[in-house]
N, C-alpha and C. Protein backbone atom coordinates (compact mmCIF):
# COMPACT_ATOMS: atom_id res chain seq x y z
N MET A 1 -40.76 -10.13 -63.31
CA MET A 1 -41.02 -10.63 -61.98
C MET A 1 -41.34 -9.45 -61.06
N GLU A 2 -42.43 -9.57 -60.36
CA GLU A 2 -42.83 -8.51 -59.45
C GLU A 2 -42.09 -8.64 -58.13
N LYS A 3 -41.59 -7.53 -57.62
CA LYS A 3 -40.85 -7.55 -56.35
C LYS A 3 -41.82 -7.77 -55.20
N LYS A 4 -41.33 -8.54 -54.20
CA LYS A 4 -42.15 -8.85 -53.04
C LYS A 4 -41.61 -8.12 -51.81
N GLN A 5 -42.54 -7.74 -50.95
CA GLN A 5 -42.17 -7.21 -49.64
C GLN A 5 -41.92 -8.41 -48.73
N ALA A 6 -40.80 -8.43 -48.03
CA ALA A 6 -40.48 -9.55 -47.14
C ALA A 6 -39.69 -9.03 -45.96
N SER A 7 -39.62 -9.85 -44.91
CA SER A 7 -38.85 -9.46 -43.73
C SER A 7 -37.37 -9.48 -44.07
N GLY A 8 -36.60 -8.76 -43.27
CA GLY A 8 -35.15 -8.74 -43.45
C GLY A 8 -34.53 -10.12 -43.34
N TRP A 9 -35.07 -10.95 -42.42
CA TRP A 9 -34.54 -12.30 -42.25
C TRP A 9 -34.78 -13.16 -43.47
N LYS A 10 -35.96 -13.03 -44.08
CA LYS A 10 -36.25 -13.84 -45.26
C LYS A 10 -35.36 -13.42 -46.44
N ILE A 11 -35.18 -12.13 -46.61
CA ILE A 11 -34.31 -11.64 -47.68
C ILE A 11 -32.88 -12.10 -47.42
N ALA A 12 -32.43 -12.00 -46.17
CA ALA A 12 -31.07 -12.41 -45.82
C ALA A 12 -30.87 -13.91 -46.04
N ALA A 13 -31.86 -14.71 -45.65
CA ALA A 13 -31.75 -16.16 -45.84
C ALA A 13 -31.72 -16.50 -47.33
N SER A 14 -32.53 -15.83 -48.12
CA SER A 14 -32.54 -16.04 -49.56
C SER A 14 -31.19 -15.67 -50.17
N TYR A 15 -30.65 -14.53 -49.73
CA TYR A 15 -29.34 -14.10 -50.22
C TYR A 15 -28.26 -15.12 -49.84
N TRP A 16 -28.24 -15.53 -48.57
CA TRP A 16 -27.23 -16.49 -48.11
C TRP A 16 -27.32 -17.79 -48.90
N PHE A 17 -28.54 -18.32 -49.03
CA PHE A 17 -28.72 -19.59 -49.73
C PHE A 17 -28.28 -19.48 -51.19
N SER A 18 -28.69 -18.42 -51.86
CA SER A 18 -28.31 -18.24 -53.26
C SER A 18 -26.80 -18.10 -53.41
N ALA A 19 -26.18 -17.30 -52.57
CA ALA A 19 -24.73 -17.07 -52.66
C ALA A 19 -23.96 -18.37 -52.45
N PHE A 20 -24.34 -19.14 -51.45
CA PHE A 20 -23.59 -20.34 -51.17
C PHE A 20 -23.98 -21.52 -52.05
N ALA A 21 -25.20 -21.56 -52.54
CA ALA A 21 -25.57 -22.62 -53.47
C ALA A 21 -24.81 -22.45 -54.78
N ILE A 22 -24.84 -21.25 -55.33
CA ILE A 22 -24.13 -20.98 -56.58
C ILE A 22 -22.62 -21.07 -56.34
N GLY A 23 -22.14 -20.47 -55.26
CA GLY A 23 -20.71 -20.50 -54.96
C GLY A 23 -20.19 -21.91 -54.79
N SER A 24 -20.92 -22.74 -54.08
CA SER A 24 -20.49 -24.13 -53.87
C SER A 24 -20.51 -24.92 -55.18
N PHE A 25 -21.51 -24.69 -56.00
CA PHE A 25 -21.58 -25.38 -57.29
C PHE A 25 -20.39 -25.00 -58.17
N VAL A 26 -20.13 -23.69 -58.29
CA VAL A 26 -19.01 -23.22 -59.10
C VAL A 26 -17.70 -23.77 -58.56
N ASP A 27 -17.53 -23.73 -57.24
CA ASP A 27 -16.32 -24.23 -56.60
C ASP A 27 -16.12 -25.72 -56.91
N THR A 28 -17.15 -26.50 -56.73
CA THR A 28 -17.06 -27.95 -56.94
C THR A 28 -16.72 -28.29 -58.39
N VAL A 29 -17.40 -27.65 -59.32
CA VAL A 29 -17.15 -27.94 -60.74
C VAL A 29 -15.72 -27.55 -61.12
N LEU A 30 -15.30 -26.34 -60.74
CA LEU A 30 -13.97 -25.88 -61.14
C LEU A 30 -12.85 -26.69 -60.48
N ILE A 31 -12.99 -27.01 -59.20
CA ILE A 31 -11.93 -27.77 -58.54
C ILE A 31 -11.88 -29.19 -59.07
N ALA A 32 -13.01 -29.75 -59.45
CA ALA A 32 -13.02 -31.09 -60.05
C ALA A 32 -12.29 -31.08 -61.40
N ILE A 33 -12.51 -30.05 -62.18
CA ILE A 33 -11.82 -29.93 -63.47
C ILE A 33 -10.32 -29.79 -63.26
N VAL A 34 -9.91 -28.90 -62.36
CA VAL A 34 -8.48 -28.70 -62.09
C VAL A 34 -7.86 -29.98 -61.55
N ALA A 35 -8.54 -30.63 -60.60
CA ALA A 35 -8.00 -31.86 -60.00
C ALA A 35 -7.84 -32.97 -61.04
N ALA A 36 -8.79 -33.06 -61.94
CA ALA A 36 -8.74 -34.12 -62.95
C ALA A 36 -7.55 -33.98 -63.89
N PHE A 37 -7.07 -32.76 -64.11
CA PHE A 37 -6.00 -32.54 -65.07
C PHE A 37 -4.66 -32.19 -64.42
N SER A 38 -4.54 -32.38 -63.11
CA SER A 38 -3.29 -31.96 -62.47
C SER A 38 -2.66 -33.04 -61.58
N PHE A 39 -2.93 -34.31 -61.86
CA PHE A 39 -2.37 -35.38 -61.03
C PHE A 39 -0.85 -35.44 -61.07
N ASN A 40 -0.24 -35.00 -62.14
CA ASN A 40 1.20 -35.10 -62.28
C ASN A 40 1.96 -33.91 -61.70
N VAL A 41 1.26 -32.98 -61.08
CA VAL A 41 1.91 -31.81 -60.49
C VAL A 41 2.71 -32.24 -59.27
N PRO A 42 3.97 -31.79 -59.17
CA PRO A 42 4.73 -32.11 -57.94
C PRO A 42 4.04 -31.48 -56.73
N ASN A 43 4.07 -32.16 -55.63
CA ASN A 43 3.41 -31.72 -54.40
C ASN A 43 1.93 -31.43 -54.68
N TYR A 44 1.26 -32.42 -55.19
CA TYR A 44 -0.14 -32.33 -55.62
C TYR A 44 -1.05 -31.81 -54.51
N ALA A 45 -0.88 -32.30 -53.28
CA ALA A 45 -1.78 -31.91 -52.18
C ALA A 45 -1.70 -30.41 -51.92
N LEU A 46 -0.48 -29.86 -51.86
CA LEU A 46 -0.34 -28.42 -51.64
C LEU A 46 -0.93 -27.65 -52.81
N PHE A 47 -0.63 -28.07 -54.02
CA PHE A 47 -1.14 -27.40 -55.21
C PHE A 47 -2.66 -27.37 -55.22
N ILE A 48 -3.29 -28.50 -55.00
CA ILE A 48 -4.75 -28.58 -55.09
C ILE A 48 -5.42 -27.78 -53.98
N ASN A 49 -4.78 -27.72 -52.80
CA ASN A 49 -5.36 -26.94 -51.71
C ASN A 49 -5.24 -25.44 -51.94
N ILE A 50 -4.14 -25.01 -52.51
CA ILE A 50 -4.00 -23.58 -52.85
C ILE A 50 -4.98 -23.21 -53.95
N VAL A 51 -5.07 -24.04 -54.98
CA VAL A 51 -6.02 -23.79 -56.07
C VAL A 51 -7.45 -23.78 -55.53
N ASN A 52 -7.76 -24.70 -54.63
CA ASN A 52 -9.10 -24.75 -54.03
C ASN A 52 -9.39 -23.48 -53.24
N ALA A 53 -8.40 -22.95 -52.53
CA ALA A 53 -8.60 -21.72 -51.77
C ALA A 53 -8.91 -20.55 -52.71
N VAL A 54 -8.15 -20.43 -53.79
CA VAL A 54 -8.37 -19.34 -54.74
C VAL A 54 -9.72 -19.51 -55.43
N ILE A 55 -10.00 -20.71 -55.90
CA ILE A 55 -11.29 -20.96 -56.57
C ILE A 55 -12.44 -20.74 -55.59
N GLY A 56 -12.27 -21.13 -54.33
CA GLY A 56 -13.32 -20.91 -53.32
C GLY A 56 -13.66 -19.44 -53.17
N LEU A 57 -12.64 -18.60 -53.13
CA LEU A 57 -12.87 -17.15 -53.03
C LEU A 57 -13.61 -16.62 -54.26
N LEU A 58 -13.15 -17.03 -55.42
CA LEU A 58 -13.80 -16.58 -56.65
C LEU A 58 -15.23 -17.10 -56.75
N ALA A 59 -15.45 -18.34 -56.30
CA ALA A 59 -16.78 -18.93 -56.38
C ALA A 59 -17.76 -18.20 -55.45
N ILE A 60 -17.32 -17.86 -54.24
CA ILE A 60 -18.19 -17.11 -53.33
C ILE A 60 -18.49 -15.74 -53.90
N TRP A 61 -17.51 -15.12 -54.54
CA TRP A 61 -17.72 -13.82 -55.15
C TRP A 61 -18.75 -13.91 -56.27
N VAL A 62 -18.63 -14.92 -57.14
CA VAL A 62 -19.60 -15.12 -58.22
C VAL A 62 -20.98 -15.41 -57.62
N GLY A 63 -21.04 -16.24 -56.59
CA GLY A 63 -22.31 -16.52 -55.92
C GLY A 63 -22.93 -15.28 -55.32
N ALA A 64 -22.08 -14.42 -54.73
CA ALA A 64 -22.59 -13.19 -54.12
C ALA A 64 -23.12 -12.22 -55.17
N ILE A 65 -22.46 -12.16 -56.32
CA ILE A 65 -22.95 -11.30 -57.40
C ILE A 65 -24.33 -11.79 -57.85
N TYR A 66 -24.44 -13.09 -58.09
CA TYR A 66 -25.73 -13.65 -58.51
C TYR A 66 -26.80 -13.45 -57.44
N ALA A 67 -26.44 -13.72 -56.18
CA ALA A 67 -27.41 -13.58 -55.09
C ALA A 67 -27.87 -12.14 -54.93
N GLY A 68 -26.95 -11.20 -55.06
CA GLY A 68 -27.32 -9.78 -54.99
C GLY A 68 -28.25 -9.39 -56.12
N TRP A 69 -27.95 -9.87 -57.32
CA TRP A 69 -28.80 -9.60 -58.47
C TRP A 69 -30.20 -10.16 -58.25
N MET A 70 -30.28 -11.41 -57.79
CA MET A 70 -31.59 -12.03 -57.54
C MET A 70 -32.33 -11.34 -56.41
N THR A 71 -31.62 -10.97 -55.36
CA THR A 71 -32.25 -10.28 -54.23
C THR A 71 -32.85 -8.96 -54.69
N ASN A 72 -32.09 -8.19 -55.47
CA ASN A 72 -32.58 -6.90 -55.95
C ASN A 72 -33.74 -7.06 -56.92
N LYS A 73 -33.75 -8.15 -57.66
CA LYS A 73 -34.82 -8.40 -58.64
C LYS A 73 -36.09 -8.91 -57.97
N LYS A 74 -35.92 -9.68 -56.89
CA LYS A 74 -37.04 -10.40 -56.29
C LYS A 74 -37.70 -9.68 -55.11
N TYR A 75 -36.92 -8.91 -54.34
CA TYR A 75 -37.42 -8.33 -53.10
C TYR A 75 -37.33 -6.82 -53.08
N ILE A 76 -38.24 -6.22 -52.32
CA ILE A 76 -38.15 -4.80 -52.00
C ILE A 76 -37.25 -4.70 -50.77
N VAL A 77 -36.09 -4.11 -50.95
CA VAL A 77 -35.12 -3.98 -49.85
C VAL A 77 -35.22 -2.56 -49.30
N GLN A 78 -35.67 -2.46 -48.06
CA GLN A 78 -35.80 -1.15 -47.42
C GLN A 78 -34.49 -0.69 -46.80
N ASN A 79 -33.78 -1.62 -46.16
CA ASN A 79 -32.56 -1.28 -45.44
C ASN A 79 -31.51 -2.34 -45.72
N ARG A 80 -30.64 -2.07 -46.65
CA ARG A 80 -29.65 -3.08 -47.06
C ARG A 80 -28.68 -3.43 -45.95
N GLN A 81 -28.32 -2.47 -45.08
CA GLN A 81 -27.41 -2.78 -43.98
C GLN A 81 -28.02 -3.83 -43.05
N GLU A 82 -29.31 -3.71 -42.80
CA GLU A 82 -29.99 -4.69 -41.96
C GLU A 82 -29.95 -6.08 -42.61
N VAL A 83 -30.19 -6.14 -43.90
CA VAL A 83 -30.17 -7.41 -44.62
C VAL A 83 -28.76 -8.00 -44.60
N VAL A 84 -27.75 -7.18 -44.81
CA VAL A 84 -26.37 -7.66 -44.81
C VAL A 84 -25.99 -8.20 -43.43
N VAL A 85 -26.35 -7.49 -42.38
CA VAL A 85 -26.04 -7.95 -41.01
C VAL A 85 -26.74 -9.28 -40.74
N LYS A 86 -28.00 -9.39 -41.11
CA LYS A 86 -28.73 -10.63 -40.89
C LYS A 86 -28.17 -11.77 -41.74
N ALA A 87 -27.76 -11.49 -42.96
CA ALA A 87 -27.13 -12.51 -43.80
C ALA A 87 -25.82 -12.96 -43.17
N PHE A 88 -25.08 -12.03 -42.58
CA PHE A 88 -23.83 -12.39 -41.90
C PHE A 88 -24.09 -13.24 -40.66
N VAL A 89 -25.16 -12.94 -39.94
CA VAL A 89 -25.53 -13.76 -38.78
C VAL A 89 -25.85 -15.19 -39.23
N ILE A 90 -26.61 -15.33 -40.29
CA ILE A 90 -26.93 -16.67 -40.81
C ILE A 90 -25.65 -17.38 -41.23
N TYR A 91 -24.79 -16.68 -41.94
CA TYR A 91 -23.50 -17.24 -42.37
C TYR A 91 -22.70 -17.72 -41.16
N THR A 92 -22.61 -16.90 -40.12
CA THR A 92 -21.84 -17.24 -38.92
C THR A 92 -22.42 -18.46 -38.23
N ILE A 93 -23.73 -18.54 -38.11
CA ILE A 93 -24.37 -19.70 -37.47
C ILE A 93 -24.07 -20.97 -38.25
N VAL A 94 -24.17 -20.92 -39.56
CA VAL A 94 -23.90 -22.10 -40.38
C VAL A 94 -22.43 -22.51 -40.27
N VAL A 95 -21.52 -21.55 -40.34
CA VAL A 95 -20.09 -21.85 -40.22
C VAL A 95 -19.78 -22.46 -38.85
N MET A 96 -20.37 -21.90 -37.79
CA MET A 96 -20.14 -22.44 -36.45
C MET A 96 -20.70 -23.85 -36.32
N PHE A 97 -21.86 -24.10 -36.91
CA PHE A 97 -22.44 -25.44 -36.87
C PHE A 97 -21.50 -26.44 -37.52
N PHE A 98 -21.01 -26.12 -38.72
CA PHE A 98 -20.10 -27.05 -39.39
C PHE A 98 -18.78 -27.18 -38.66
N ALA A 99 -18.32 -26.12 -38.01
CA ALA A 99 -17.09 -26.22 -37.23
C ALA A 99 -17.30 -27.17 -36.04
N LEU A 100 -18.49 -27.16 -35.45
CA LEU A 100 -18.78 -28.04 -34.31
C LEU A 100 -18.90 -29.50 -34.73
N ILE A 101 -19.45 -29.77 -35.90
CA ILE A 101 -19.62 -31.16 -36.30
C ILE A 101 -18.42 -31.70 -37.08
N ARG A 102 -17.48 -30.83 -37.40
CA ARG A 102 -16.33 -31.24 -38.21
C ARG A 102 -15.51 -32.34 -37.54
N GLU A 103 -15.11 -32.14 -36.30
CA GLU A 103 -14.26 -33.13 -35.61
C GLU A 103 -14.96 -34.48 -35.44
N PRO A 104 -16.22 -34.51 -34.97
CA PRO A 104 -16.88 -35.82 -34.89
C PRO A 104 -16.97 -36.53 -36.24
N LEU A 105 -17.19 -35.76 -37.31
CA LEU A 105 -17.24 -36.37 -38.63
C LEU A 105 -15.87 -36.95 -39.02
N ILE A 106 -14.83 -36.20 -38.73
CA ILE A 106 -13.48 -36.69 -39.04
C ILE A 106 -13.19 -37.96 -38.25
N MET A 107 -13.55 -37.95 -36.96
CA MET A 107 -13.29 -39.12 -36.13
C MET A 107 -14.08 -40.34 -36.64
N TYR A 108 -15.27 -40.12 -37.14
CA TYR A 108 -16.09 -41.22 -37.64
C TYR A 108 -15.55 -41.76 -38.97
N PHE A 109 -15.23 -40.83 -39.89
CA PHE A 109 -14.84 -41.25 -41.24
C PHE A 109 -13.36 -41.55 -41.39
N ALA A 110 -12.51 -41.08 -40.48
CA ALA A 110 -11.06 -41.27 -40.63
C ALA A 110 -10.67 -42.74 -40.80
N PRO A 111 -11.17 -43.66 -39.98
CA PRO A 111 -10.76 -45.06 -40.19
C PRO A 111 -11.21 -45.61 -41.53
N ILE A 112 -12.34 -45.13 -42.02
CA ILE A 112 -12.87 -45.62 -43.29
C ILE A 112 -12.02 -45.08 -44.45
N LEU A 113 -11.61 -43.83 -44.35
CA LEU A 113 -10.95 -43.17 -45.47
C LEU A 113 -9.43 -43.24 -45.43
N GLN A 114 -8.84 -43.74 -44.36
CA GLN A 114 -7.39 -43.74 -44.27
C GLN A 114 -6.77 -44.75 -45.22
N THR A 115 -5.96 -44.22 -46.09
CA THR A 115 -5.12 -45.02 -46.97
C THR A 115 -3.75 -44.38 -46.92
N PRO A 116 -2.71 -45.08 -47.26
CA PRO A 116 -1.37 -44.47 -47.22
C PRO A 116 -1.32 -43.20 -48.07
N GLY A 117 -0.86 -42.13 -47.46
CA GLY A 117 -0.72 -40.86 -48.18
C GLY A 117 -1.98 -40.03 -48.25
N PHE A 118 -3.09 -40.52 -47.71
CA PHE A 118 -4.35 -39.76 -47.76
C PHE A 118 -4.50 -38.98 -46.46
N THR A 119 -4.73 -37.67 -46.56
CA THR A 119 -4.79 -36.82 -45.37
C THR A 119 -6.19 -36.70 -44.81
N GLY A 120 -7.16 -37.34 -45.38
CA GLY A 120 -8.53 -37.23 -44.89
C GLY A 120 -9.31 -36.23 -45.72
N ILE A 121 -10.56 -36.04 -45.35
CA ILE A 121 -11.44 -35.16 -46.13
C ILE A 121 -10.98 -33.71 -46.04
N TRP A 122 -10.69 -33.24 -44.82
CA TRP A 122 -10.37 -31.84 -44.63
C TRP A 122 -8.91 -31.60 -44.24
N GLY A 123 -8.12 -32.63 -44.14
CA GLY A 123 -6.78 -32.51 -43.58
C GLY A 123 -5.84 -31.65 -44.38
N GLY A 124 -6.00 -31.57 -45.67
CA GLY A 124 -5.03 -30.89 -46.51
C GLY A 124 -4.84 -29.43 -46.21
N LEU A 125 -5.92 -28.67 -46.16
CA LEU A 125 -5.79 -27.24 -45.94
C LEU A 125 -5.16 -26.93 -44.59
N GLU A 126 -5.62 -27.60 -43.55
CA GLU A 126 -5.09 -27.32 -42.23
C GLU A 126 -3.63 -27.75 -42.13
N ALA A 127 -3.26 -28.80 -42.83
CA ALA A 127 -1.88 -29.27 -42.79
C ALA A 127 -0.94 -28.21 -43.34
N PHE A 128 -1.39 -27.41 -44.27
CA PHE A 128 -0.55 -26.38 -44.85
C PHE A 128 -0.84 -25.00 -44.26
N GLY A 129 -1.77 -24.89 -43.31
CA GLY A 129 -2.08 -23.61 -42.68
C GLY A 129 -2.87 -22.67 -43.56
N ILE A 130 -3.52 -23.19 -44.58
CA ILE A 130 -4.24 -22.35 -45.53
C ILE A 130 -5.70 -22.18 -45.13
N GLY A 131 -6.26 -23.15 -44.44
CA GLY A 131 -7.70 -23.16 -44.15
C GLY A 131 -8.20 -21.94 -43.40
N THR A 132 -7.50 -21.53 -42.36
CA THR A 132 -7.93 -20.38 -41.57
C THR A 132 -7.85 -19.10 -42.37
N ILE A 133 -6.78 -18.96 -43.13
CA ILE A 133 -6.63 -17.77 -43.96
C ILE A 133 -7.73 -17.71 -45.00
N GLU A 134 -8.00 -18.85 -45.64
CA GLU A 134 -9.06 -18.90 -46.65
C GLU A 134 -10.41 -18.55 -46.04
N SER A 135 -10.70 -19.09 -44.86
CA SER A 135 -11.99 -18.81 -44.19
C SER A 135 -12.14 -17.32 -43.91
N GLY A 136 -11.07 -16.70 -43.46
CA GLY A 136 -11.11 -15.25 -43.21
C GLY A 136 -11.38 -14.46 -44.47
N PHE A 137 -10.70 -14.82 -45.55
CA PHE A 137 -10.90 -14.12 -46.81
C PHE A 137 -12.30 -14.38 -47.37
N ILE A 138 -12.81 -15.59 -47.24
CA ILE A 138 -14.17 -15.89 -47.70
C ILE A 138 -15.18 -15.03 -46.93
N THR A 139 -14.98 -14.90 -45.63
CA THR A 139 -15.86 -14.05 -44.82
C THR A 139 -15.82 -12.61 -45.31
N LEU A 140 -14.63 -12.08 -45.56
CA LEU A 140 -14.51 -10.71 -46.05
C LEU A 140 -15.15 -10.54 -47.43
N VAL A 141 -14.91 -11.49 -48.32
CA VAL A 141 -15.52 -11.44 -49.66
C VAL A 141 -17.04 -11.46 -49.53
N TYR A 142 -17.55 -12.32 -48.66
CA TYR A 142 -19.00 -12.43 -48.47
C TYR A 142 -19.59 -11.11 -47.97
N ILE A 143 -18.97 -10.51 -46.94
CA ILE A 143 -19.51 -9.27 -46.37
C ILE A 143 -19.43 -8.13 -47.37
N PHE A 144 -18.26 -7.91 -47.96
CA PHE A 144 -18.11 -6.78 -48.88
C PHE A 144 -18.92 -6.97 -50.15
N SER A 145 -19.07 -8.20 -50.61
CA SER A 145 -19.91 -8.45 -51.78
C SER A 145 -21.37 -8.17 -51.46
N ALA A 146 -21.80 -8.58 -50.29
CA ALA A 146 -23.19 -8.30 -49.90
C ALA A 146 -23.42 -6.79 -49.83
N LEU A 147 -22.47 -6.07 -49.25
CA LEU A 147 -22.61 -4.61 -49.17
C LEU A 147 -22.62 -3.96 -50.56
N LYS A 148 -21.86 -4.53 -51.46
CA LYS A 148 -21.78 -3.95 -52.80
C LYS A 148 -22.98 -4.32 -53.67
N TYR A 149 -23.45 -5.55 -53.60
CA TYR A 149 -24.43 -6.03 -54.58
C TYR A 149 -25.88 -6.01 -54.09
N ILE A 150 -26.13 -5.90 -52.79
CA ILE A 150 -27.51 -5.72 -52.32
C ILE A 150 -27.77 -4.22 -52.29
N LYS A 151 -28.81 -3.81 -52.96
CA LYS A 151 -29.14 -2.39 -53.05
C LYS A 151 -30.52 -2.15 -52.42
N ASN A 152 -30.68 -0.96 -51.84
CA ASN A 152 -32.02 -0.55 -51.42
C ASN A 152 -32.87 -0.41 -52.68
N SER A 153 -34.14 -0.68 -52.56
CA SER A 153 -35.01 -0.67 -53.74
C SER A 153 -35.10 0.68 -54.42
N ASP A 154 -34.89 1.76 -53.70
CA ASP A 154 -34.93 3.09 -54.30
C ASP A 154 -33.58 3.49 -54.89
N GLN A 155 -32.61 2.60 -54.84
CA GLN A 155 -31.26 2.86 -55.31
C GLN A 155 -31.00 2.12 -56.61
N LYS A 156 -30.22 2.67 -57.50
CA LYS A 156 -29.90 1.99 -58.76
C LYS A 156 -28.51 1.41 -58.71
C-alpha cells in the first residue's frame, strides 16, 4: 500500500475512527462473552461493571495499537504531535457530544427499560462510582497510545 499525503485532521480522524471502531468491537465481544458466562456471580452488577471497565481500557489500547499501525502504513505523517493533538480534539468533541445527549436518552428510554432490579442502560457504572474513573483512564490510554504508536514517517 502506497502512503498518502493528507492533512493532519484527516489523519487524526482516521486514527480516531480506527481506534474506537476496533476498540468498541473488541469491548462489545469480550463483555458479551463474560456476561454470558457470569450470571451466577454474587453482586453481578458490580462484577460486570468492573470487568467492563477493565475490558474497555484493554479494548481501547488494542484499538490504538491497530489504529497507529494503520496510520503509519497508510499516511505520511510529518508531525505526530500535531496529529495526536487533533485526534484528542476529535475524541473530546465526540465524548462531549455523547455526554450532552446522555441524559435526554436516559429520560426517554428509562420508562421503557425499567424493570425491577434494572439500573438502566448506563446506571451501573455511575452507581458504583466507576464511570468517571474509567473515562479518565480511557482518555490517558488513548493519548499515551497515540503518542507511542503514531510515528513520523521518517521514524522507525
